[in-house]
Amino acid sequence: MKPDIPVALTQRGPAEHERREQIINAAFDHFRHYGYAKTSVADLAKEIGVSSAYVYKFFESKQAIGEAVCSQRVGQIGFALRQIADINESATLRLRTIFKTLMNKSLELFFEDRKLHDIAAAAAAQHWTSAQNHRAEVYSIIRQVIIDGRESGEFERKTPLDEVCLAITSAMTPFSHPLMLEQKTPEQLGERVVAITSLVLRSLSN
């Protein structure tokens, strides 16, 4: 499977439904306060005034609910990066901004509450579809910028495109993976993101 092809999340019932959003929002609040491991489907059902059986009409398991929460939250990061990729600036500047924004948004999301970090870490460690789709979205964004840079003459064209995109996406992992982010201070991460981005840009220069 190409790394830029997302996979649909497993779901039950209609995709657009008020109850589905209500369950996701209740889950987000519970995960923030009590943690993913200590939250049950029964807890979520009680929160919104329905039975557990009713919740299972929309989600096949607690993990499926967790995946929906993660997908919704990391989708905010993907949206921010896509906006940068679409602006009318040089590919070089966009790539540098994407690296920094990915780090800042990931820190903000995963560490605004320790309980949210725990579910993000579980998603990454257990290879949840939501985490895989986030990587696919980042890959797709990088691919867009690299193509633009090649067309403008900023970046070299000899190296296979998919090889370049995969290498850059891998280089971004320390600035987006919740378990790796917690190994360094924000200051250390800031220094490293500048150094690695500069190294990547030198390797891309024509």
N, C-alpha and C. Protein backbone atom coordinates (compact mmCIF):
# COMPACT_ATOMS: atom_id res chain seq x y z
N MET A 1 0.83 -1.20 0.00
CA MET A 1 0.00 0.00 0.00
C MET A 1 0.87 1.25 0.00
N LYS A 2 0.56 2.20 -0.90
CA LYS A 2 1.31 3.44 -0.92
C LYS A 2 1.07 4.20 0.38
N PRO A 3 2.14 4.83 0.92
CA PRO A 3 2.00 5.51 2.21
C PRO A 3 1.11 6.73 2.20
N ASP A 4 0.70 7.19 1.01
CA ASP A 4 -0.17 8.38 0.98
C ASP A 4 -1.63 8.03 0.74
N ILE A 5 -1.98 6.74 0.86
CA ILE A 5 -3.37 6.33 0.66
C ILE A 5 -4.01 6.04 2.03
N PRO A 6 -4.96 6.86 2.48
CA PRO A 6 -5.59 6.64 3.78
C PRO A 6 -6.51 5.43 3.76
N VAL A 7 -6.80 4.90 4.94
CA VAL A 7 -7.69 3.75 5.09
C VAL A 7 -8.92 4.21 5.86
N ALA A 8 -10.08 3.81 5.38
CA ALA A 8 -11.33 4.22 6.04
C ALA A 8 -11.43 3.60 7.43
N LEU A 9 -11.85 4.39 8.41
CA LEU A 9 -12.06 3.87 9.75
C LEU A 9 -13.30 2.97 9.77
N THR A 10 -13.22 1.91 10.58
CA THR A 10 -14.37 1.02 10.74
C THR A 10 -15.47 1.76 11.49
N GLN A 11 -16.67 1.73 10.95
CA GLN A 11 -17.77 2.41 11.63
C GLN A 11 -19.08 1.70 11.34
N ARG A 12 -20.04 1.96 12.21
CA ARG A 12 -21.39 1.44 12.04
C ARG A 12 -22.36 2.60 11.99
N GLY A 13 -23.52 2.35 11.41
CA GLY A 13 -24.54 3.38 11.36
C GLY A 13 -24.19 4.47 10.37
N PRO A 14 -25.04 5.47 10.25
CA PRO A 14 -24.80 6.56 9.30
C PRO A 14 -23.57 7.39 9.68
N ALA A 15 -22.78 7.81 8.68
CA ALA A 15 -21.56 8.57 8.94
C ALA A 15 -21.87 9.91 9.58
N GLU A 16 -22.94 10.55 9.09
CA GLU A 16 -23.33 11.84 9.64
C GLU A 16 -24.53 11.64 10.56
N HIS A 17 -24.28 11.68 11.85
CA HIS A 17 -25.36 11.46 12.79
C HIS A 17 -25.03 12.21 14.08
N GLU A 18 -26.02 12.87 14.63
CA GLU A 18 -25.80 13.67 15.85
C GLU A 18 -25.28 12.82 17.00
N ARG A 19 -25.81 11.60 17.13
CA ARG A 19 -25.38 10.73 18.22
C ARG A 19 -23.91 10.32 18.07
N ARG A 20 -23.47 10.10 16.85
CA ARG A 20 -22.07 9.72 16.62
C ARG A 20 -21.15 10.83 17.15
N GLU A 21 -21.46 12.07 16.80
CA GLU A 21 -20.66 13.20 17.26
C GLU A 21 -20.75 13.35 18.77
N GLN A 22 -21.91 13.06 19.31
CA GLN A 22 -22.11 13.16 20.75
C GLN A 22 -21.24 12.13 21.48
N ILE A 23 -21.18 10.93 20.93
CA ILE A 23 -20.34 9.87 21.53
C ILE A 23 -18.86 10.26 21.45
N ILE A 24 -18.43 10.76 20.30
CA ILE A 24 -17.04 11.16 20.14
C ILE A 24 -16.67 12.28 21.10
N ASN A 25 -17.53 13.27 21.23
CA ASN A 25 -17.26 14.39 22.13
C ASN A 25 -17.23 13.94 23.59
N ALA A 26 -18.16 13.04 23.95
CA ALA A 26 -18.17 12.52 25.32
C ALA A 26 -16.91 11.72 25.59
N ALA A 27 -16.47 10.96 24.59
CA ALA A 27 -15.26 10.16 24.73
C ALA A 27 -14.04 11.07 24.90
N PHE A 28 -13.98 12.12 24.12
CA PHE A 28 -12.86 13.06 24.24
C PHE A 28 -12.78 13.62 25.65
N ASP A 29 -13.91 14.03 26.22
CA ASP A 29 -13.92 14.58 27.57
C ASP A 29 -13.53 13.54 28.61
N HIS A 30 -14.04 12.32 28.45
CA HIS A 30 -13.70 11.25 29.41
C HIS A 30 -12.23 10.87 29.32
N PHE A 31 -11.71 10.76 28.10
CA PHE A 31 -10.30 10.41 27.94
C PHE A 31 -9.40 11.47 28.57
N ARG A 32 -9.80 12.74 28.44
CA ARG A 32 -9.01 13.84 29.01
C ARG A 32 -8.99 13.77 30.54
N HIS A 33 -10.12 13.40 31.14
CA HIS A 33 -10.22 13.43 32.60
C HIS A 33 -9.80 12.12 33.27
N TYR A 34 -10.13 10.99 32.64
CA TYR A 34 -9.90 9.71 33.30
C TYR A 34 -8.89 8.81 32.59
N GLY A 35 -8.58 9.15 31.35
CA GLY A 35 -7.66 8.31 30.58
C GLY A 35 -8.40 7.28 29.75
N TYR A 36 -7.78 6.87 28.67
CA TYR A 36 -8.41 5.91 27.76
C TYR A 36 -8.65 4.57 28.45
N ALA A 37 -7.64 4.08 29.19
CA ALA A 37 -7.73 2.76 29.80
C ALA A 37 -8.85 2.67 30.84
N LYS A 38 -9.12 3.77 31.53
CA LYS A 38 -10.10 3.76 32.61
C LYS A 38 -11.50 4.15 32.16
N THR A 39 -11.67 4.40 30.90
CA THR A 39 -12.98 4.75 30.36
C THR A 39 -13.59 3.54 29.67
N SER A 40 -14.83 3.23 30.00
CA SER A 40 -15.53 2.11 29.38
C SER A 40 -16.64 2.62 28.47
N VAL A 41 -17.12 1.75 27.61
CA VAL A 41 -18.25 2.10 26.75
C VAL A 41 -19.46 2.43 27.62
N ALA A 42 -19.61 1.73 28.74
CA ALA A 42 -20.72 2.00 29.65
C ALA A 42 -20.63 3.42 30.22
N ASP A 43 -19.42 3.87 30.50
CA ASP A 43 -19.23 5.24 31.00
C ASP A 43 -19.72 6.26 29.97
N LEU A 44 -19.36 6.03 28.72
CA LEU A 44 -19.75 6.96 27.65
C LEU A 44 -21.26 6.93 27.43
N ALA A 45 -21.83 5.74 27.49
CA ALA A 45 -23.28 5.61 27.32
C ALA A 45 -24.02 6.36 28.42
N LYS A 46 -23.54 6.20 29.66
CA LYS A 46 -24.17 6.89 30.79
C LYS A 46 -24.07 8.40 30.64
N GLU A 47 -22.93 8.87 30.13
CA GLU A 47 -22.70 10.30 29.98
C GLU A 47 -23.72 10.96 29.06
N ILE A 48 -24.10 10.25 27.99
CA ILE A 48 -25.03 10.86 27.03
C ILE A 48 -26.46 10.31 27.19
N GLY A 49 -26.68 9.47 28.21
CA GLY A 49 -28.03 9.02 28.51
C GLY A 49 -28.59 7.96 27.61
N VAL A 50 -27.73 7.05 27.14
CA VAL A 50 -28.20 5.94 26.31
C VAL A 50 -27.62 4.63 26.85
N SER A 51 -28.01 3.52 26.27
CA SER A 51 -27.48 2.23 26.69
C SER A 51 -26.18 1.92 25.95
N SER A 52 -25.40 1.00 26.50
CA SER A 52 -24.17 0.57 25.83
C SER A 52 -24.50 -0.05 24.47
N ALA A 53 -25.62 -0.78 24.42
CA ALA A 53 -26.03 -1.40 23.15
C ALA A 53 -26.25 -0.35 22.08
N TYR A 54 -26.77 0.80 22.49
CA TYR A 54 -27.01 1.87 21.52
C TYR A 54 -25.68 2.42 20.99
N VAL A 55 -24.70 2.57 21.87
CA VAL A 55 -23.37 3.05 21.44
C VAL A 55 -22.78 2.09 20.41
N TYR A 56 -22.99 0.78 20.64
CA TYR A 56 -22.44 -0.23 19.72
C TYR A 56 -23.12 -0.21 18.35
N LYS A 57 -24.21 0.52 18.21
CA LYS A 57 -24.81 0.69 16.90
C LYS A 57 -23.94 1.58 16.00
N PHE A 58 -23.06 2.37 16.64
CA PHE A 58 -22.23 3.31 15.91
C PHE A 58 -20.75 2.92 15.91
N PHE A 59 -20.32 2.22 16.96
CA PHE A 59 -18.92 1.84 17.08
C PHE A 59 -18.83 0.39 17.55
N GLU A 60 -17.99 -0.39 16.92
CA GLU A 60 -17.92 -1.80 17.26
C GLU A 60 -17.15 -2.08 18.55
N SER A 61 -16.35 -1.10 19.02
CA SER A 61 -15.55 -1.32 20.22
C SER A 61 -15.09 0.02 20.79
N LYS A 62 -14.50 -0.04 22.00
CA LYS A 62 -13.94 1.18 22.58
C LYS A 62 -12.79 1.69 21.73
N GLN A 63 -12.01 0.77 21.17
CA GLN A 63 -10.90 1.21 20.30
C GLN A 63 -11.43 1.99 19.10
N ALA A 64 -12.54 1.54 18.54
CA ALA A 64 -13.12 2.25 17.39
C ALA A 64 -13.49 3.69 17.77
N ILE A 65 -13.98 3.85 19.00
CA ILE A 65 -14.29 5.20 19.49
C ILE A 65 -13.00 5.99 19.65
N GLY A 66 -11.98 5.34 20.23
CA GLY A 66 -10.68 6.00 20.39
C GLY A 66 -10.09 6.41 19.05
N GLU A 67 -10.26 5.56 18.05
CA GLU A 67 -9.76 5.88 16.71
C GLU A 67 -10.46 7.12 16.16
N ALA A 68 -11.76 7.21 16.38
CA ALA A 68 -12.52 8.37 15.90
C ALA A 68 -12.06 9.65 16.58
N VAL A 69 -11.80 9.56 17.89
CA VAL A 69 -11.31 10.72 18.63
C VAL A 69 -9.94 11.15 18.10
N CYS A 70 -9.04 10.18 17.94
CA CYS A 70 -7.70 10.49 17.44
C CYS A 70 -7.75 11.06 16.03
N SER A 71 -8.58 10.47 15.20
CA SER A 71 -8.69 10.94 13.82
C SER A 71 -9.16 12.39 13.78
N GLN A 72 -10.11 12.71 14.64
CA GLN A 72 -10.64 14.08 14.69
C GLN A 72 -9.57 15.06 15.15
N ARG A 73 -8.79 14.68 16.15
CA ARG A 73 -7.80 15.60 16.72
C ARG A 73 -6.58 15.76 15.83
N VAL A 74 -6.02 14.65 15.32
CA VAL A 74 -4.84 14.79 14.46
C VAL A 74 -5.23 15.37 13.11
N GLY A 75 -6.53 15.28 12.79
CA GLY A 75 -6.99 15.91 11.56
C GLY A 75 -6.78 17.41 11.59
N GLN A 76 -6.79 17.99 12.79
CA GLN A 76 -6.52 19.42 12.94
C GLN A 76 -5.09 19.75 12.50
N ILE A 77 -4.17 18.84 12.80
CA ILE A 77 -2.78 19.04 12.39
C ILE A 77 -2.67 18.96 10.87
N GLY A 78 -3.30 17.94 10.30
CA GLY A 78 -3.27 17.78 8.85
C GLY A 78 -3.85 18.98 8.13
N PHE A 79 -4.93 19.52 8.68
CA PHE A 79 -5.56 20.70 8.08
C PHE A 79 -4.61 21.89 8.09
N ALA A 80 -3.91 22.10 9.20
CA ALA A 80 -2.97 23.22 9.32
C ALA A 80 -1.81 23.06 8.33
N LEU A 81 -1.32 21.84 8.18
CA LEU A 81 -0.20 21.60 7.26
C LEU A 81 -0.64 21.77 5.81
N ARG A 82 -1.86 21.33 5.52
CA ARG A 82 -2.37 21.45 4.14
C ARG A 82 -2.53 22.93 3.76
N GLN A 83 -2.93 23.74 4.70
CA GLN A 83 -3.05 25.17 4.44
C GLN A 83 -1.69 25.77 4.09
N ILE A 84 -0.65 25.34 4.78
CA ILE A 84 0.70 25.83 4.49
C ILE A 84 1.14 25.37 3.10
N ALA A 85 0.86 24.12 2.79
CA ALA A 85 1.26 23.57 1.48
C ALA A 85 0.59 24.32 0.33
N ASP A 86 -0.57 24.90 0.59
CA ASP A 86 -1.34 25.56 -0.48
C ASP A 86 -1.05 27.05 -0.64
N ILE A 87 -0.26 27.63 0.25
CA ILE A 87 -0.02 29.08 0.15
C ILE A 87 0.92 29.39 -1.02
N ASN A 88 0.87 30.62 -1.48
CA ASN A 88 1.66 31.06 -2.62
C ASN A 88 3.04 31.54 -2.16
N GLU A 89 3.86 30.59 -1.73
CA GLU A 89 5.24 30.87 -1.30
C GLU A 89 6.15 29.82 -1.91
N SER A 90 7.45 30.03 -1.78
CA SER A 90 8.40 29.07 -2.33
C SER A 90 8.25 27.72 -1.64
N ALA A 91 8.56 26.66 -2.34
CA ALA A 91 8.49 25.32 -1.76
C ALA A 91 9.45 25.20 -0.59
N THR A 92 10.59 25.88 -0.69
CA THR A 92 11.58 25.85 0.38
C THR A 92 11.01 26.41 1.68
N LEU A 93 10.37 27.57 1.58
CA LEU A 93 9.78 28.20 2.76
C LEU A 93 8.64 27.35 3.30
N ARG A 94 7.80 26.81 2.42
CA ARG A 94 6.68 25.99 2.86
C ARG A 94 7.15 24.74 3.60
N LEU A 95 8.20 24.10 3.08
CA LEU A 95 8.69 22.89 3.72
C LEU A 95 9.26 23.20 5.10
N ARG A 96 9.99 24.30 5.20
CA ARG A 96 10.55 24.69 6.49
C ARG A 96 9.42 24.97 7.49
N THR A 97 8.38 25.66 7.03
CA THR A 97 7.25 25.99 7.90
C THR A 97 6.47 24.75 8.29
N ILE A 98 6.35 23.80 7.39
CA ILE A 98 5.63 22.55 7.68
C ILE A 98 6.34 21.77 8.78
N PHE A 99 7.65 21.68 8.72
CA PHE A 99 8.41 20.98 9.76
C PHE A 99 8.13 21.61 11.13
N LYS A 100 8.25 22.92 11.21
CA LYS A 100 8.09 23.62 12.48
C LYS A 100 6.65 23.53 12.98
N THR A 101 5.70 23.68 12.07
CA THR A 101 4.29 23.64 12.46
C THR A 101 3.88 22.25 12.94
N LEU A 102 4.38 21.22 12.27
CA LEU A 102 4.09 19.85 12.69
C LEU A 102 4.55 19.63 14.12
N MET A 103 5.75 20.09 14.44
CA MET A 103 6.27 19.93 15.79
C MET A 103 5.41 20.70 16.80
N ASN A 104 5.13 21.97 16.51
CA ASN A 104 4.39 22.81 17.45
C ASN A 104 2.96 22.29 17.68
N LYS A 105 2.29 21.91 16.59
CA LYS A 105 0.92 21.43 16.71
C LYS A 105 0.87 20.08 17.43
N SER A 106 1.86 19.23 17.20
CA SER A 106 1.90 17.93 17.87
C SER A 106 2.13 18.10 19.36
N LEU A 107 3.05 18.99 19.72
CA LEU A 107 3.29 19.27 21.14
C LEU A 107 2.03 19.81 21.80
N GLU A 108 1.38 20.72 21.12
CA GLU A 108 0.16 21.34 21.66
C GLU A 108 -0.94 20.32 21.86
N LEU A 109 -1.10 19.43 20.88
CA LEU A 109 -2.18 18.45 20.95
C LEU A 109 -1.90 17.35 21.95
N PHE A 110 -0.70 16.77 21.88
CA PHE A 110 -0.41 15.59 22.68
C PHE A 110 -0.10 15.90 24.15
N PHE A 111 0.29 17.13 24.44
CA PHE A 111 0.72 17.42 25.80
C PHE A 111 -0.14 18.47 26.50
N GLU A 112 -1.25 18.89 25.85
CA GLU A 112 -2.15 19.82 26.53
C GLU A 112 -2.80 19.13 27.72
N ASP A 113 -2.86 17.82 27.65
CA ASP A 113 -3.39 17.03 28.75
C ASP A 113 -2.73 15.66 28.69
N ARG A 114 -2.20 15.20 29.82
CA ARG A 114 -1.46 13.94 29.84
C ARG A 114 -2.31 12.76 29.39
N LYS A 115 -3.58 12.80 29.70
CA LYS A 115 -4.46 11.69 29.32
C LYS A 115 -4.62 11.61 27.80
N LEU A 116 -4.61 12.75 27.13
CA LEU A 116 -4.68 12.74 25.67
C LEU A 116 -3.40 12.18 25.09
N HIS A 117 -2.28 12.48 25.73
CA HIS A 117 -1.01 11.91 25.28
C HIS A 117 -1.06 10.39 25.34
N ASP A 118 -1.69 9.86 26.39
CA ASP A 118 -1.75 8.41 26.56
C ASP A 118 -2.48 7.73 25.41
N ILE A 119 -3.60 8.32 24.96
CA ILE A 119 -4.34 7.69 23.86
C ILE A 119 -3.59 7.87 22.55
N ALA A 120 -2.91 9.00 22.38
CA ALA A 120 -2.11 9.20 21.16
C ALA A 120 -0.96 8.21 21.12
N ALA A 121 -0.37 7.96 22.28
CA ALA A 121 0.73 6.99 22.35
C ALA A 121 0.22 5.58 22.03
N ALA A 122 -0.96 5.25 22.54
CA ALA A 122 -1.55 3.93 22.25
C ALA A 122 -1.82 3.79 20.76
N ALA A 123 -2.33 4.85 20.14
CA ALA A 123 -2.62 4.83 18.71
C ALA A 123 -1.36 4.58 17.90
N ALA A 124 -0.26 5.24 18.30
CA ALA A 124 0.99 5.08 17.56
C ALA A 124 1.61 3.72 17.81
N ALA A 125 1.63 3.28 19.07
CA ALA A 125 2.27 2.02 19.42
C ALA A 125 1.52 0.81 18.85
N GLN A 126 0.19 0.90 18.79
CA GLN A 126 -0.63 -0.21 18.32
C GLN A 126 -1.01 -0.09 16.85
N HIS A 127 -0.45 0.92 16.18
CA HIS A 127 -0.68 1.13 14.75
C HIS A 127 -2.15 1.25 14.39
N TRP A 128 -2.85 2.07 15.16
CA TRP A 128 -4.25 2.31 14.86
C TRP A 128 -4.37 2.95 13.47
N THR A 129 -5.49 2.71 12.85
CA THR A 129 -5.73 3.27 11.52
C THR A 129 -5.64 4.79 11.53
N SER A 130 -6.10 5.41 12.61
CA SER A 130 -6.05 6.87 12.71
C SER A 130 -4.62 7.38 12.65
N ALA A 131 -3.68 6.67 13.29
CA ALA A 131 -2.28 7.06 13.28
C ALA A 131 -1.68 6.84 11.88
N GLN A 132 -2.04 5.73 11.25
CA GLN A 132 -1.56 5.45 9.89
C GLN A 132 -2.07 6.50 8.91
N ASN A 133 -3.32 6.90 9.07
CA ASN A 133 -3.89 7.91 8.18
C ASN A 133 -3.24 9.27 8.37
N HIS A 134 -2.84 9.56 9.59
CA HIS A 134 -2.14 10.82 9.85
C HIS A 134 -0.81 10.83 9.11
N ARG A 135 -0.09 9.72 9.17
CA ARG A 135 1.19 9.63 8.44
C ARG A 135 0.95 9.74 6.93
N ALA A 136 -0.13 9.13 6.46
CA ALA A 136 -0.46 9.20 5.03
C ALA A 136 -0.76 10.63 4.61
N GLU A 137 -1.44 11.37 5.47
CA GLU A 137 -1.76 12.76 5.17
C GLU A 137 -0.49 13.61 5.12
N VAL A 138 0.41 13.39 6.07
CA VAL A 138 1.68 14.13 6.07
C VAL A 138 2.48 13.80 4.82
N TYR A 139 2.52 12.54 4.45
CA TYR A 139 3.23 12.11 3.24
C TYR A 139 2.67 12.81 2.01
N SER A 140 1.34 12.84 1.91
CA SER A 140 0.69 13.47 0.77
C SER A 140 1.02 14.96 0.69
N ILE A 141 1.06 15.61 1.82
CA ILE A 141 1.37 17.04 1.87
C ILE A 141 2.81 17.28 1.43
N ILE A 142 3.72 16.47 1.93
CA ILE A 142 5.13 16.59 1.55
C ILE A 142 5.29 16.36 0.05
N ARG A 143 4.58 15.38 -0.47
CA ARG A 143 4.66 15.08 -1.90
C ARG A 143 4.24 16.28 -2.74
N GLN A 144 3.18 16.95 -2.32
CA GLN A 144 2.70 18.13 -3.04
C GLN A 144 3.77 19.21 -3.09
N VAL A 145 4.41 19.46 -1.95
CA VAL A 145 5.42 20.52 -1.87
C VAL A 145 6.67 20.15 -2.68
N ILE A 146 7.07 18.89 -2.63
CA ILE A 146 8.24 18.47 -3.40
C ILE A 146 8.00 18.60 -4.89
N ILE A 147 6.81 18.22 -5.34
CA ILE A 147 6.47 18.36 -6.76
C ILE A 147 6.52 19.83 -7.17
N ASP A 148 5.96 20.70 -6.33
CA ASP A 148 5.99 22.14 -6.61
C ASP A 148 7.43 22.64 -6.69
N GLY A 149 8.27 22.18 -5.76
CA GLY A 149 9.67 22.60 -5.75
C GLY A 149 10.44 22.12 -6.96
N ARG A 150 10.11 20.95 -7.46
CA ARG A 150 10.76 20.44 -8.66
C ARG A 150 10.31 21.24 -9.89
N GLU A 151 9.04 21.55 -9.93
CA GLU A 151 8.53 22.29 -11.08
C GLU A 151 9.06 23.73 -11.12
N SER A 152 9.32 24.30 -9.95
CA SER A 152 9.84 25.67 -9.89
C SER A 152 11.36 25.73 -10.05
N GLY A 153 12.02 24.56 -10.03
CA GLY A 153 13.47 24.53 -10.18
C GLY A 153 14.22 24.64 -8.86
N GLU A 154 13.50 24.67 -7.75
CA GLU A 154 14.16 24.75 -6.44
C GLU A 154 14.81 23.44 -6.03
N PHE A 155 14.16 22.32 -6.37
CA PHE A 155 14.61 21.01 -5.92
C PHE A 155 15.09 20.15 -7.09
N GLU A 156 16.05 19.28 -6.81
CA GLU A 156 16.56 18.37 -7.83
C GLU A 156 15.50 17.35 -8.22
N ARG A 157 15.67 16.76 -9.42
CA ARG A 157 14.65 15.84 -9.93
C ARG A 157 15.17 14.42 -10.14
N LYS A 158 16.44 14.18 -9.85
CA LYS A 158 17.03 12.88 -10.16
C LYS A 158 16.54 11.77 -9.23
N THR A 159 16.41 12.07 -7.96
CA THR A 159 16.00 11.05 -7.00
C THR A 159 14.52 10.73 -7.18
N PRO A 160 14.15 9.44 -7.17
CA PRO A 160 12.74 9.07 -7.32
C PRO A 160 11.87 9.81 -6.31
N LEU A 161 10.73 10.31 -6.77
CA LEU A 161 9.86 11.14 -5.94
C LEU A 161 9.43 10.42 -4.67
N ASP A 162 8.97 9.17 -4.79
CA ASP A 162 8.48 8.45 -3.61
C ASP A 162 9.60 8.23 -2.59
N GLU A 163 10.83 8.03 -3.07
CA GLU A 163 11.97 7.86 -2.18
C GLU A 163 12.22 9.13 -1.37
N VAL A 164 12.16 10.27 -2.05
CA VAL A 164 12.35 11.56 -1.38
C VAL A 164 11.27 11.80 -0.34
N CYS A 165 10.02 11.57 -0.71
CA CYS A 165 8.90 11.83 0.19
C CYS A 165 8.93 10.91 1.41
N LEU A 166 9.28 9.66 1.19
CA LEU A 166 9.35 8.71 2.31
C LEU A 166 10.47 9.10 3.27
N ALA A 167 11.61 9.52 2.72
CA ALA A 167 12.75 9.93 3.56
C ALA A 167 12.40 11.15 4.40
N ILE A 168 11.74 12.13 3.78
CA ILE A 168 11.38 13.35 4.50
C ILE A 168 10.33 13.06 5.56
N THR A 169 9.34 12.26 5.22
CA THR A 169 8.32 11.90 6.19
C THR A 169 8.94 11.18 7.39
N SER A 170 9.91 10.31 7.12
CA SER A 170 10.61 9.60 8.21
C SER A 170 11.41 10.57 9.06
N ALA A 171 12.02 11.57 8.41
CA ALA A 171 12.81 12.56 9.15
C ALA A 171 11.93 13.41 10.06
N MET A 172 10.63 13.48 9.75
CA MET A 172 9.70 14.27 10.55
C MET A 172 9.17 13.52 11.77
N THR A 173 9.37 12.21 11.80
CA THR A 173 8.80 11.38 12.86
C THR A 173 9.14 11.86 14.27
N PRO A 174 10.39 12.23 14.57
CA PRO A 174 10.70 12.68 15.94
C PRO A 174 9.93 13.92 16.37
N PHE A 175 9.33 14.63 15.41
CA PHE A 175 8.61 15.86 15.73
C PHE A 175 7.10 15.67 15.70
N SER A 176 6.66 14.42 15.54
CA SER A 176 5.22 14.16 15.50
C SER A 176 4.79 12.93 16.29
N HIS A 177 5.71 12.03 16.58
CA HIS A 177 5.38 10.80 17.31
C HIS A 177 5.30 11.12 18.81
N PRO A 178 4.17 10.85 19.46
CA PRO A 178 4.01 11.23 20.87
C PRO A 178 5.05 10.65 21.81
N LEU A 179 5.50 9.43 21.57
CA LEU A 179 6.50 8.82 22.44
C LEU A 179 7.88 9.43 22.24
N MET A 180 8.18 9.84 21.03
CA MET A 180 9.48 10.46 20.75
C MET A 180 9.50 11.92 21.18
N LEU A 181 8.38 12.59 21.09
CA LEU A 181 8.31 14.00 21.48
C LEU A 181 8.64 14.19 22.96
N GLU A 182 8.22 13.23 23.79
CA GLU A 182 8.41 13.40 25.23
C GLU A 182 9.84 13.14 25.67
N GLN A 183 10.70 12.69 24.77
CA GLN A 183 12.10 12.40 25.12
C GLN A 183 12.97 13.65 25.13
N LYS A 184 12.48 14.75 24.57
CA LYS A 184 13.25 15.99 24.50
C LYS A 184 12.41 17.14 25.03
N THR A 185 13.09 18.20 25.46
CA THR A 185 12.38 19.41 25.87
C THR A 185 11.96 20.16 24.61
N PRO A 186 10.96 21.04 24.70
CA PRO A 186 10.58 21.85 23.54
C PRO A 186 11.74 22.63 22.96
N GLU A 187 12.64 23.09 23.82
CA GLU A 187 13.81 23.83 23.33
C GLU A 187 14.73 22.93 22.51
N GLN A 188 14.96 21.73 23.00
CA GLN A 188 15.80 20.77 22.27
C GLN A 188 15.15 20.39 20.94
N LEU A 189 13.86 20.18 20.96
CA LEU A 189 13.14 19.85 19.73
C LEU A 189 13.23 21.00 18.73
N GLY A 190 13.11 22.23 19.23
CA GLY A 190 13.21 23.39 18.36
C GLY A 190 14.55 23.48 17.66
N GLU A 191 15.63 23.19 18.39
CA GLU A 191 16.97 23.21 17.80
C GLU A 191 17.11 22.13 16.74
N ARG A 192 16.56 20.97 17.05
CA ARG A 192 16.70 19.83 16.13
C ARG A 192 15.86 20.00 14.87
N VAL A 193 14.67 20.58 15.02
CA VAL A 193 13.83 20.74 13.84
C VAL A 193 14.47 21.71 12.85
N VAL A 194 15.16 22.74 13.35
CA VAL A 194 15.85 23.68 12.47
C VAL A 194 17.01 22.98 11.77
N ALA A 195 17.79 22.20 12.52
CA ALA A 195 18.96 21.52 11.95
C ALA A 195 18.56 20.49 10.90
N ILE A 196 17.55 19.69 11.22
CA ILE A 196 17.13 18.63 10.29
C ILE A 196 16.47 19.23 9.05
N THR A 197 15.67 20.27 9.23
CA THR A 197 15.05 20.91 8.07
C THR A 197 16.11 21.47 7.15
N SER A 198 17.13 22.09 7.69
CA SER A 198 18.21 22.65 6.87
C SER A 198 18.95 21.54 6.14
N LEU A 199 19.18 20.43 6.80
CA LEU A 199 19.86 19.30 6.15
C LEU A 199 19.01 18.74 5.01
N VAL A 200 17.70 18.59 5.25
CA VAL A 200 16.79 18.11 4.21
C VAL A 200 16.79 19.05 3.00
N LEU A 201 16.74 20.34 3.26
CA LEU A 201 16.70 21.32 2.16
C LEU A 201 18.01 21.33 1.37
N ARG A 202 19.12 21.12 2.05
CA ARG A 202 20.40 21.04 1.31
C ARG A 202 20.42 19.81 0.41
N SER A 203 19.85 18.73 0.87
CA SER A 203 19.83 17.50 0.07
C SER A 203 18.90 17.65 -1.13
N LEU A 204 17.93 18.56 -1.05
CA LEU A 204 16.98 18.75 -2.14
C LEU A 204 17.45 19.79 -3.15
N SER A 205 18.45 20.57 -2.79
CA SER A 205 18.85 21.70 -3.64
C SER A 205 19.30 21.23 -5.02
N ASN A 206 19.01 22.06 -6.01
CA ASN A 206 19.31 21.69 -7.39
C ASN A 206 20.77 21.97 -7.74
